[in-house]
């Protein structure tokens, strides 16, 4: 009887997981077979079967392309800046919000900070362009105050700061929700015991809150590091213009321009494989490092 109940429970679990499994098989694993076109001169009319094989030709072209290293540097800098400034932002916001005693005020602030996540990048880009262009709101504001003004969206020295700032403003509310959920799982008796021992707010945060959040921090950091070469192509394309192309051209915009607009599908597939291998190496290496140093890992 017990064996029958266990087998029924197992069958139910498989049925629940089946839609997710089918989704991953169809949309994650099956498309991976299309990566073979990186080793072909792929033609959409000939298909994979009849396109000629060229071996490592497209990988060689990728590394010998004159602008490739500049694009790699732009992508790395943008990814590292986003990681350095964008990753801690939701954590700091969650810690600050957790200190608010008024529940109604806390809920209102949380909702307002979370709303930008639901805006499309077109809307967010339009907001920032209207703020930062020569005839935008900041121009009028600086004109009233007598401060010097410039067209920020056409200046190369401001481009990366604008992209990183847009990403933080839009997505920090989403990350904050994850950390707030982790904060709600901390045992309140730990804080009560700390208060009895005379620990202040900062000491409680350093000795209780942050160690309790460490598993969530490590997992999110490792997942974020794996996408260090991934840029939000929609976000970058909205803000990209010829005047900032030297610092704004990243791998994803190059893939869009060369792969989709110029139909060089094999070359851009080779670039995609390169990005995936770099991300895999980073995740595996940092996961092993994290497991040795902090005892936390994603597997």
C-alpha atoms as a PDB file:
ATOM      1  CA  UNK A   1       0.000   0.000   0.000  1.00  0.00           C
ATOM      2  CA  UNK A   2       2.784   2.414   0.933  1.00  0.00           C
ATOM      3  CA  UNK A   3       4.648   1.568  -2.246  1.00  0.00           C
ATOM      4  CA  UNK A   4       1.522   2.330  -4.287  1.00  0.00           C
ATOM      5  CA  UNK A   5       1.105   5.710  -2.559  1.00  0.00           C
ATOM      6  CA  UNK A   6       4.774   6.567  -3.156  1.00  0.00           C
ATOM      7  CA  UNK A   7       4.536   5.586  -6.836  1.00  0.00           C
ATOM      8  CA  UNK A   8       1.397   7.731  -7.236  1.00  0.00           C
ATOM      9  CA  UNK A   9       3.154  10.699  -5.598  1.00  0.00           C
ATOM     10  CA  UNK A  10       6.153  10.222  -7.875  1.00  0.00           C
ATOM     11  CA  UNK A  11       3.885  10.069 -10.931  1.00  0.00           C
ATOM     12  CA  UNK A  12       2.146  13.264  -9.793  1.00  0.00           C
ATOM     13  CA  UNK A  13       5.493  15.036  -9.391  1.00  0.00           C
ATOM     14  CA  UNK A  14       6.533  14.000 -12.900  1.00  0.00           C
ATOM     15  CA  UNK A  15       3.242  15.257 -14.317  1.00  0.00           C
ATOM     16  CA  UNK A  16       3.736  18.594 -12.570  1.00  0.00           C
ATOM     17  CA  UNK A  17       7.300  18.869 -13.898  1.00  0.00           C
ATOM     18  CA  UNK A  18       6.414  17.680 -17.422  1.00  0.00           C
ATOM     19  CA  UNK A  19       5.439  21.099 -18.907  1.00  0.00           C
ATOM     20  CA  UNK A  20       8.705  22.622 -17.675  1.00  0.00           C
ATOM     21  CA  UNK A  21      10.729  19.677 -19.000  1.00  0.00           C
ATOM     22  CA  UNK A  22       9.043  19.906 -22.402  1.00  0.00           C
ATOM     23  CA  UNK A  23       9.680  23.657 -22.494  1.00  0.00           C
ATOM     24  CA  UNK A  24      13.395  23.242 -21.779  1.00  0.00           C
ATOM     25  CA  UNK A  25      13.789  20.387 -24.263  1.00  0.00           C
ATOM     26  CA  UNK A  26      12.015  22.218 -27.099  1.00  0.00           C
ATOM     27  CA  UNK A  27      13.288  25.746 -26.546  1.00  0.00           C
ATOM     28  CA  UNK A  28      16.657  25.212 -24.822  1.00  0.00           C
ATOM     29  CA  UNK A  29      18.190  21.939 -25.964  1.00  0.00           C
ATOM     30  CA  UNK A  30      16.760  21.291 -29.444  1.00  0.00           C
ATOM     31  CA  UNK A  31      17.907  24.733 -30.761  1.00  0.00           C
ATOM     32  CA  UNK A  32      21.459  23.919 -29.612  1.00  0.00           C
ATOM     33  CA  UNK A  33      21.774  21.555 -32.578  1.00  0.00           C
ATOM     34  CA  UNK A  34      21.598  24.647 -34.785  1.00  0.00           C
ATOM     35  CA  UNK A  35      25.052  25.652 -33.526  1.00  0.00           C
ATOM     36  CA  UNK A  36      26.538  23.408 -36.216  1.00  0.00           C
ATOM     37  CA  UNK A  37      26.084  26.292 -38.691  1.00  0.00           C
ATOM     38  CA  UNK A  38      29.088  27.943 -37.001  1.00  0.00           C
ATOM     39  CA  UNK A  39      31.168  25.336 -38.862  1.00  0.00           C
ATOM     40  CA  UNK A  40      29.367  25.899 -42.185  1.00  0.00           C
ATOM     41  CA  UNK A  41      28.845  28.618 -44.762  1.00  0.00           C
ATOM     42  CA  UNK A  42      25.187  28.514 -43.904  1.00  0.00           C
ATOM     43  CA  UNK A  43      22.655  29.522 -46.521  1.00  0.00           C
ATOM     44  CA  UNK A  44      19.003  29.841 -45.532  1.00  0.00           C
ATOM     45  CA  UNK A  45      17.890  28.490 -48.916  1.00  0.00           C
ATOM     46  CA  UNK A  46      20.180  25.438 -48.768  1.00  0.00           C
ATOM     47  CA  UNK A  47      19.543  24.675 -45.106  1.00  0.00           C
ATOM     48  CA  UNK A  48      21.852  22.940 -42.653  1.00  0.00           C
ATOM     49  CA  UNK A  49      21.926  19.723 -44.656  1.00  0.00           C
ATOM     50  CA  UNK A  50      23.226  21.196 -47.929  1.00  0.00           C
ATOM     51  CA  UNK A  51      25.342  24.095 -46.644  1.00  0.00           C
ATOM     52  CA  UNK A  52      29.098  23.487 -47.126  1.00  0.00           C
ATOM     53  CA  UNK A  53      31.301  22.717 -44.112  1.00  0.00           C
ATOM     54  CA  UNK A  54      34.198  25.128 -43.530  1.00  0.00           C
ATOM     55  CA  UNK A  55      35.577  23.993 -40.164  1.00  0.00           C
ATOM     56  CA  UNK A  56      36.990  26.767 -37.952  1.00  0.00           C
ATOM     57  CA  UNK A  57      36.861  29.457 -40.639  1.00  0.00           C
ATOM     58  CA  UNK A  58      34.326  31.688 -38.874  1.00  0.00           C
ATOM     59  CA  UNK A  59      36.116  31.447 -35.529  1.00  0.00           C
ATOM     60  CA  UNK A  60      39.337  32.538 -37.266  1.00  0.00           C
ATOM     61  CA  UNK A  61      37.505  35.415 -38.949  1.00  0.00           C
ATOM     62  CA  UNK A  62      36.054  36.420 -35.610  1.00  0.00           C
ATOM     63  CA  UNK A  63      39.441  36.758 -33.919  1.00  0.00           C
ATOM     64  CA  UNK A  64      41.097  38.402 -36.934  1.00  0.00           C
ATOM     65  CA  UNK A  65      38.352  40.992 -37.394  1.00  0.00           C
ATOM     66  CA  UNK A  66      39.960  44.400 -36.839  1.00  0.00           C
ATOM     67  CA  UNK A  67      37.230  45.733 -34.539  1.00  0.00           C
ATOM     68  CA  UNK A  68      36.613  42.529 -32.574  1.00  0.00           C
ATOM     69  CA  UNK A  69      38.946  43.316 -29.670  1.00  0.00           C
ATOM     70  CA  UNK A  70      37.499  46.817 -29.297  1.00  0.00           C
ATOM     71  CA  UNK A  71      34.034  45.269 -29.166  1.00  0.00           C
ATOM     72  CA  UNK A  72      35.221  42.718 -26.581  1.00  0.00           C
ATOM     73  CA  UNK A  73      36.695  45.489 -24.411  1.00  0.00           C
ATOM     74  CA  UNK A  74      33.473  47.530 -24.645  1.00  0.00           C
ATOM     75  CA  UNK A  75      31.415  44.491 -23.685  1.00  0.00           C
ATOM     76  CA  UNK A  76      33.674  43.545 -20.777  1.00  0.00           C
ATOM     77  CA  UNK A  77      33.773  47.078 -19.381  1.00  0.00           C
ATOM     78  CA  UNK A  78      30.001  47.447 -19.619  1.00  0.00           C
ATOM     79  CA  UNK A  79      29.485  44.023 -18.028  1.00  0.00           C
ATOM     80  CA  UNK A  80      31.972  44.670 -15.221  1.00  0.00           C
ATOM     81  CA  UNK A  81      30.528  48.105 -14.453  1.00  0.00           C
ATOM     82  CA  UNK A  82      27.030  46.622 -14.354  1.00  0.00           C
ATOM     83  CA  UNK A  83      28.279  43.881 -12.032  1.00  0.00           C
ATOM     84  CA  UNK A  84      30.247  46.247  -9.798  1.00  0.00           C
ATOM     85  CA  UNK A  85      27.533  48.868  -9.374  1.00  0.00           C
ATOM     86  CA  UNK A  86      24.363  47.042 -10.374  1.00  0.00           C
ATOM     87  CA  UNK A  87      24.732  43.886  -8.315  1.00  0.00           C
ATOM     88  CA  UNK A  88      25.070  45.502  -4.841  1.00  0.00           C
ATOM     89  CA  UNK A  89      22.262  48.019  -5.500  1.00  0.00           C
ATOM     90  CA  UNK A  90      19.296  45.649  -4.830  1.00  0.00           C
ATOM     91  CA  UNK A  91      21.035  44.259  -1.728  1.00  0.00           C
ATOM     92  CA  UNK A  92      21.673  47.712  -0.267  1.00  0.00           C
ATOM     93  CA  UNK A  93      18.123  48.760  -1.115  1.00  0.00           C
ATOM     94  CA  UNK A  94      16.659  45.665   0.554  1.00  0.00           C
ATOM     95  CA  UNK A  95      18.741  46.223   3.700  1.00  0.00           C
ATOM     96  CA  UNK A  96      17.621  49.852   3.910  1.00  0.00           C
ATOM     97  CA  UNK A  97      13.997  48.986   3.234  1.00  0.00           C
ATOM     98  CA  UNK A  98      14.121  46.257   5.866  1.00  0.00           C
ATOM     99  CA  UNK A  99      14.924  48.911   8.493  1.00  0.00           C
ATOM    100  CA  UNK A 100      11.689  50.846   7.861  1.00  0.00           C
ATOM    101  CA  UNK A 101       9.346  50.321  10.791  1.00  0.00           C
ATOM    102  CA  UNK A 102       6.137  51.696   9.221  1.00  0.00           C
ATOM    103  CA  UNK A 103       4.622  48.798   7.261  1.00  0.00           C
ATOM    104  CA  UNK A 104       2.346  50.947   5.083  1.00  0.00           C
ATOM    105  CA  UNK A 105       5.229  53.238   4.097  1.00  0.00           C
ATOM    106  CA  UNK A 106       7.466  50.253   3.429  1.00  0.00           C
ATOM    107  CA  UNK A 107       4.873  48.740   1.070  1.00  0.00           C
ATOM    108  CA  UNK A 108       4.443  51.983  -0.854  1.00  0.00           C
ATOM    109  CA  UNK A 109       8.193  52.444  -1.280  1.00  0.00           C
ATOM    110  CA  UNK A 110       8.598  48.810  -2.323  1.00  0.00           C
ATOM    111  CA  UNK A 111       5.859  49.147  -4.951  1.00  0.00           C
ATOM    112  CA  UNK A 112       7.267  52.380  -6.384  1.00  0.00           C
ATOM    113  CA  UNK A 113      10.761  50.891  -6.652  1.00  0.00           C
ATOM    114  CA  UNK A 114       9.421  47.727  -8.291  1.00  0.00           C
ATOM    115  CA  UNK A 115       7.302  49.505 -10.948  1.00  0.00           C
ATOM    116  CA  UNK A 116      10.143  50.321 -13.420  1.00  0.00           C
ATOM    117  CA  UNK A 117      10.705  46.583 -13.904  1.00  0.00           C
ATOM    118  CA  UNK A 118       7.417  46.412 -15.820  1.00  0.00           C
ATOM    119  CA  UNK A 119       8.350  49.208 -18.244  1.00  0.00           C
ATOM    120  CA  UNK A 120       9.771  48.240 -21.635  1.00  0.00           C
ATOM    121  CA  UNK A 121      13.238  49.381 -22.581  1.00  0.00           C
ATOM    122  CA  UNK A 122      11.708  51.591 -25.282  1.00  0.00           C
ATOM    123  CA  UNK A 123       9.847  53.563 -22.621  1.00  0.00           C
ATOM    124  CA  UNK A 124      12.845  53.665 -20.263  1.00  0.00           C
ATOM    125  CA  UNK A 125      15.151  54.730 -23.096  1.00  0.00           C
ATOM    126  CA  UNK A 126      12.741  57.477 -24.148  1.00  0.00           C
ATOM    127  CA  UNK A 127      12.619  58.767 -20.566  1.00  0.00           C
ATOM    128  CA  UNK A 128      16.400  58.972 -20.291  1.00  0.00           C
ATOM    129  CA  UNK A 129      16.813  60.475 -23.756  1.00  0.00           C
ATOM    130  CA  UNK A 130      14.274  63.186 -22.929  1.00  0.00           C
ATOM    131  CA  UNK A 131      16.149  63.867 -19.704  1.00  0.00           C
ATOM    132  CA  UNK A 132      19.683  63.912 -21.086  1.00  0.00           C
ATOM    133  CA  UNK A 133      19.519  65.421 -24.584  1.00  0.00           C
ATOM    134  CA  UNK A 134      20.469  69.014 -25.344  1.00  0.00           C
ATOM    135  CA  UNK A 135      16.823  70.138 -25.266  1.00  0.00           C
ATOM    136  CA  UNK A 136      15.764  67.776 -22.452  1.00  0.00           C
ATOM    137  CA  UNK A 137      14.647  68.405 -18.891  1.00  0.00           C
ATOM    138  CA  UNK A 138      18.179  68.600 -17.459  1.00  0.00           C
ATOM    139  CA  UNK A 139      19.044  71.240 -20.059  1.00  0.00           C
ATOM    140  CA  UNK A 140      16.150  73.392 -18.879  1.00  0.00           C
ATOM    141  CA  UNK A 141      17.015  72.739 -15.230  1.00  0.00           C
ATOM    142  CA  UNK A 142      20.665  73.682 -15.710  1.00  0.00           C
ATOM    143  CA  UNK A 143      19.588  76.729 -17.688  1.00  0.00           C
ATOM    144  CA  UNK A 144      17.489  77.935 -14.755  1.00  0.00           C
ATOM    145  CA  UNK A 145      20.341  77.395 -12.276  1.00  0.00           C
ATOM    146  CA  UNK A 146      23.114  78.703 -14.520  1.00  0.00           C
ATOM    147  CA  UNK A 147      25.078  75.431 -14.430  1.00  0.00           C
ATOM    148  CA  UNK A 148      26.988  74.260 -17.553  1.00  0.00           C
ATOM    149  CA  UNK A 149      25.070  71.818 -19.725  1.00  0.00           C
ATOM    150  CA  UNK A 150      25.904  69.299 -22.436  1.00  0.00           C
ATOM    151  CA  UNK A 151      24.196  66.718 -24.633  1.00  0.00           C
ATOM    152  CA  UNK A 152      24.990  63.652 -22.546  1.00  0.00           C
ATOM    153  CA  UNK A 153      23.685  61.041 -24.997  1.00  0.00           C
ATOM    154  CA  UNK A 154      26.281  62.059 -27.622  1.00  0.00           C
ATOM    155  CA  UNK A 155      29.290  62.135 -25.281  1.00  0.00           C
ATOM    156  CA  UNK A 156      31.414  58.968 -25.156  1.00  0.00           C
ATOM    157  CA  UNK A 157      32.538  59.602 -21.560  1.00  0.00           C
ATOM    158  CA  UNK A 158      28.947  59.410 -20.297  1.00  0.00           C
ATOM    159  CA  UNK A 159      27.627  56.497 -22.382  1.00  0.00           C
ATOM    160  CA  UNK A 160      28.568  53.607 -20.080  1.00  0.00           C
ATOM    161  CA  UNK A 161      27.399  55.505 -16.996  1.00  0.00           C
ATOM    162  CA  UNK A 162      24.028  56.117 -18.647  1.00  0.00           C
ATOM    163  CA  UNK A 163      23.626  52.448 -19.631  1.00  0.00           C
ATOM    164  CA  UNK A 164      24.573  51.191 -16.168  1.00  0.00           C
ATOM    165  CA  UNK A 165      22.367  53.783 -14.469  1.00  0.00           C
ATOM    166  CA  UNK A 166      19.394  52.837 -16.639  1.00  0.00           C
ATOM    167  CA  UNK A 167      19.844  49.174 -15.775  1.00  0.00           C
ATOM    168  CA  UNK A 168      20.085  49.877 -12.045  1.00  0.00           C
ATOM    169  CA  UNK A 169      17.011  52.135 -12.049  1.00  0.00           C
ATOM    170  CA  UNK A 170      14.912  49.626 -13.982  1.00  0.00           C
ATOM    171  CA  UNK A 171      15.918  46.332 -12.380  1.00  0.00           C
ATOM    172  CA  UNK A 172      17.010  47.022  -8.797  1.00  0.00           C
ATOM    173  CA  UNK A 173      13.406  46.694  -7.594  1.00  0.00           C
ATOM    174  CA  UNK A 174      13.231  43.148  -8.960  1.00  0.00           C
ATOM    175  CA  UNK A 175      16.444  42.117  -7.213  1.00  0.00           C
ATOM    176  CA  UNK A 176      15.264  43.830  -4.049  1.00  0.00           C
ATOM    177  CA  UNK A 177      12.198  41.547  -3.932  1.00  0.00           C
ATOM    178  CA  UNK A 178      14.446  38.453  -3.941  1.00  0.00           C
ATOM    179  CA  UNK A 179      16.537  39.749  -1.046  1.00  0.00           C
ATOM    180  CA  UNK A 180      13.455  40.820   0.916  1.00  0.00           C
ATOM    181  CA  UNK A 181      12.089  37.293   0.555  1.00  0.00           C
ATOM    182  CA  UNK A 182      15.378  35.934   1.934  1.00  0.00           C
ATOM    183  CA  UNK A 183      15.287  38.482   4.780  1.00  0.00           C
ATOM    184  CA  UNK A 184      11.824  37.326   5.809  1.00  0.00           C
ATOM    185  CA  UNK A 185      13.233  33.841   6.448  1.00  0.00           C
ATOM    186  CA  UNK A 186      15.727  34.978   9.096  1.00  0.00           C
ATOM    187  CA  UNK A 187      14.755  33.860  12.605  1.00  0.00           C
ATOM    188  CA  UNK A 188      13.703  36.961  14.646  1.00  0.00           C
ATOM    189  CA  UNK A 189      15.058  35.367  17.809  1.00  0.00           C
ATOM    190  CA  UNK A 190      18.585  35.947  16.474  1.00  0.00           C
ATOM    191  CA  UNK A 191      17.995  39.715  16.490  1.00  0.00           C
ATOM    192  CA  UNK A 192      16.392  39.558  19.948  1.00  0.00           C
ATOM    193  CA  UNK A 193      19.399  37.713  21.337  1.00  0.00           C
ATOM    194  CA  UNK A 194      21.722  40.231  19.696  1.00  0.00           C
ATOM    195  CA  UNK A 195      19.821  43.126  21.279  1.00  0.00           C
ATOM    196  CA  UNK A 196      20.150  41.495  24.694  1.00  0.00           C
ATOM    197  CA  UNK A 197      23.916  41.283  24.118  1.00  0.00           C
ATOM    198  CA  UNK A 198      23.957  45.010  23.297  1.00  0.00           C
ATOM    199  CA  UNK A 199      24.425  44.785  19.518  1.00  0.00           C
ATOM    200  CA  UNK A 200      23.293  47.846  17.567  1.00  0.00           C
ATOM    201  CA  UNK A 201      21.629  47.951  14.150  1.00  0.00           C
ATOM    202  CA  UNK A 202      24.882  47.943  12.194  1.00  0.00           C
ATOM    203  CA  UNK A 203      26.329  45.099  14.248  1.00  0.00           C
ATOM    204  CA  UNK A 204      23.144  43.048  13.770  1.00  0.00           C
ATOM    205  CA  UNK A 205      23.287  43.661  10.037  1.00  0.00           C
ATOM    206  CA  UNK A 206      26.943  42.651   9.817  1.00  0.00           C
ATOM    207  CA  UNK A 207      26.767  39.601  12.109  1.00  0.00           C
ATOM    208  CA  UNK A 208      23.264  38.263  11.394  1.00  0.00           C
ATOM    209  CA  UNK A 209      21.665  39.692   8.268  1.00  0.00           C
ATOM    210  CA  UNK A 210      24.546  39.457   5.800  1.00  0.00           C
ATOM    211  CA  UNK A 211      25.668  35.925   6.823  1.00  0.00           C
ATOM    212  CA  UNK A 212      22.042  34.774   6.554  1.00  0.00           C
ATOM    213  CA  UNK A 213      21.791  36.294   3.068  1.00  0.00           C
ATOM    214  CA  UNK A 214      25.088  34.803   1.900  1.00  0.00           C
ATOM    215  CA  UNK A 215      23.555  31.774   0.088  1.00  0.00           C
ATOM    216  CA  UNK A 216      21.239  34.028  -1.928  1.00  0.00           C
ATOM    217  CA  UNK A 217      24.059  36.508  -2.615  1.00  0.00           C
ATOM    218  CA  UNK A 218      26.409  33.788  -3.876  1.00  0.00           C
ATOM    219  CA  UNK A 219      23.796  32.187  -6.141  1.00  0.00           C
ATOM    220  CA  UNK A 220      22.737  35.502  -7.676  1.00  0.00           C
ATOM    221  CA  UNK A 221      26.359  36.601  -8.111  1.00  0.00           C
ATOM    222  CA  UNK A 222      27.352  33.389  -9.873  1.00  0.00           C
ATOM    223  CA  UNK A 223      24.356  33.592 -12.187  1.00  0.00           C
ATOM    224  CA  UNK A 224      25.171  37.233 -12.923  1.00  0.00           C
ATOM    225  CA  UNK A 225      28.847  36.520 -13.650  1.00  0.00           C
ATOM    226  CA  UNK A 226      27.851  33.949 -16.268  1.00  0.00           C
ATOM    227  CA  UNK A 227      26.218  36.756 -18.272  1.00  0.00           C
ATOM    228  CA  UNK A 228      29.090  39.236 -18.038  1.00  0.00           C
ATOM    229  CA  UNK A 229      29.425  39.226 -21.851  1.00  0.00           C
ATOM    230  CA  UNK A 230      25.681  39.610 -22.344  1.00  0.00           C
ATOM    231  CA  UNK A 231      24.408  43.122 -22.909  1.00  0.00           C
ATOM    232  CA  UNK A 232      20.768  44.073 -23.187  1.00  0.00           C
ATOM    233  CA  UNK A 233      20.730  44.601 -26.931  1.00  0.00           C
ATOM    234  CA  UNK A 234      17.451  46.521 -26.873  1.00  0.00           C
ATOM    235  CA  UNK A 235      18.714  48.896 -24.193  1.00  0.00           C
ATOM    236  CA  UNK A 236      22.039  49.546 -25.929  1.00  0.00           C
ATOM    237  CA  UNK A 237      20.482  49.981 -29.385  1.00  0.00           C
ATOM    238  CA  UNK A 238      18.078  52.611 -28.056  1.00  0.00           C
ATOM    239  CA  UNK A 239      20.924  54.709 -26.658  1.00  0.00           C
ATOM    240  CA  UNK A 240      23.494  53.927 -29.390  1.00  0.00           C
ATOM    241  CA  UNK A 241      24.292  56.581 -31.985  1.00  0.00           C
ATOM    242  CA  UNK A 242      27.232  57.192 -34.374  1.00  0.00           C
ATOM    243  CA  UNK A 243      28.894  59.638 -31.966  1.00  0.00           C
ATOM    244  CA  UNK A 244      29.253  57.015 -29.203  1.00  0.00           C
ATOM    245  CA  UNK A 245      29.813  53.991 -31.434  1.00  0.00           C
ATOM    246  CA  UNK A 246      33.455  53.621 -30.366  1.00  0.00           C
ATOM    247  CA  UNK A 247      32.441  52.846 -26.774  1.00  0.00           C
ATOM    248  CA  UNK A 248      28.884  51.665 -27.371  1.00  0.00           C
ATOM    249  CA  UNK A 249      29.352  48.855 -29.883  1.00  0.00           C
ATOM    250  CA  UNK A 250      29.152  45.565 -27.937  1.00  0.00           C
ATOM    251  CA  UNK A 251      28.981  41.915 -28.970  1.00  0.00           C
ATOM    252  CA  UNK A 252      25.192  41.763 -29.002  1.00  0.00           C
ATOM    253  CA  UNK A 253      24.765  44.882 -31.162  1.00  0.00           C
ATOM    254  CA  UNK A 254      27.472  43.587 -33.505  1.00  0.00           C
ATOM    255  CA  UNK A 255      25.634  40.251 -33.775  1.00  0.00           C
ATOM    256  CA  UNK A 256      22.407  42.123 -34.518  1.00  0.00           C
ATOM    257  CA  UNK A 257      24.056  44.325 -37.153  1.00  0.00           C
ATOM    258  CA  UNK A 258      26.119  41.597 -38.839  1.00  0.00           C
ATOM    259  CA  UNK A 259      23.938  38.557 -38.222  1.00  0.00           C
ATOM    260  CA  UNK A 260      20.438  39.866 -38.823  1.00  0.00           C
ATOM    261  CA  UNK A 261      21.008  42.888 -41.041  1.00  0.00           C
ATOM    262  CA  UNK A 262      23.869  41.422 -43.107  1.00  0.00           C
ATOM    263  CA  UNK A 263      22.721  37.760 -42.944  1.00  0.00           C
ATOM    264  CA  UNK A 264      26.077  36.370 -41.739  1.00  0.00           C
ATOM    265  CA  UNK A 265      24.442  33.727 -39.602  1.00  0.00           C
ATOM    266  CA  UNK A 266      27.433  31.398 -39.356  1.00  0.00           C
ATOM    267  CA  UNK A 267      29.787  34.108 -38.086  1.00  0.00           C
ATOM    268  CA  UNK A 268      27.370  35.349 -35.456  1.00  0.00           C
ATOM    269  CA  UNK A 269      26.663  31.774 -34.327  1.00  0.00           C
ATOM    270  CA  UNK A 270      30.413  31.317 -33.806  1.00  0.00           C
ATOM    271  CA  UNK A 271      30.408  34.486 -31.688  1.00  0.00           C
ATOM    272  CA  UNK A 272      27.498  33.103 -29.674  1.00  0.00           C
ATOM    273  CA  UNK A 273      29.401  29.870 -28.985  1.00  0.00           C
ATOM    274  CA  UNK A 274      32.428  31.906 -27.889  1.00  0.00           C
ATOM    275  CA  UNK A 275      30.276  33.898 -25.448  1.00  0.00           C
ATOM    276  CA  UNK A 276      28.705  30.727 -24.055  1.00  0.00           C
ATOM    277  CA  UNK A 277      32.086  29.088 -23.457  1.00  0.00           C
ATOM    278  CA  UNK A 278      33.399  32.179 -21.647  1.00  0.00           C
ATOM    279  CA  UNK A 279      30.283  32.279 -19.455  1.00  0.00           C
ATOM    280  CA  UNK A 280      30.548  28.561 -18.688  1.00  0.00           C
ATOM    281  CA  UNK A 281      34.222  28.868 -17.701  1.00  0.00           C
ATOM    282  CA  UNK A 282      33.467  31.845 -15.433  1.00  0.00           C
ATOM    283  CA  UNK A 283      30.544  30.130 -13.695  1.00  0.00           C
ATOM    284  CA  UNK A 284      32.384  26.820 -13.155  1.00  0.00           C
ATOM    285  CA  UNK A 285      35.565  28.520 -11.959  1.00  0.00           C
ATOM    286  CA  UNK A 286      33.900  30.987  -9.596  1.00  0.00           C
ATOM    287  CA  UNK A 287      31.552  28.302  -8.317  1.00  0.00           C
ATOM    288  CA  UNK A 288      34.539  26.152  -7.320  1.00  0.00           C
ATOM    289  CA  UNK A 289      36.235  29.196  -5.751  1.00  0.00           C
ATOM    290  CA  UNK A 290      33.092  30.087  -3.815  1.00  0.00           C
ATOM    291  CA  UNK A 291      32.678  26.525  -2.560  1.00  0.00           C
ATOM    292  CA  UNK A 292      36.230  26.541  -1.188  1.00  0.00           C
ATOM    293  CA  UNK A 293      36.143  30.024   0.369  1.00  0.00           C
ATOM    294  CA  UNK A 294      32.558  30.458   1.609  1.00  0.00           C
ATOM    295  CA  UNK A 295      31.121  26.941   1.479  1.00  0.00           C
ATOM    296  CA  UNK A 296      28.292  28.191  -0.761  1.00  0.00           C
ATOM    297  CA  UNK A 297      27.789  27.146  -4.389  1.00  0.00           C
ATOM    298  CA  UNK A 298      25.055  26.578  -6.961  1.00  0.00           C
ATOM    299  CA  UNK A 299      25.943  22.890  -7.372  1.00  0.00           C
END
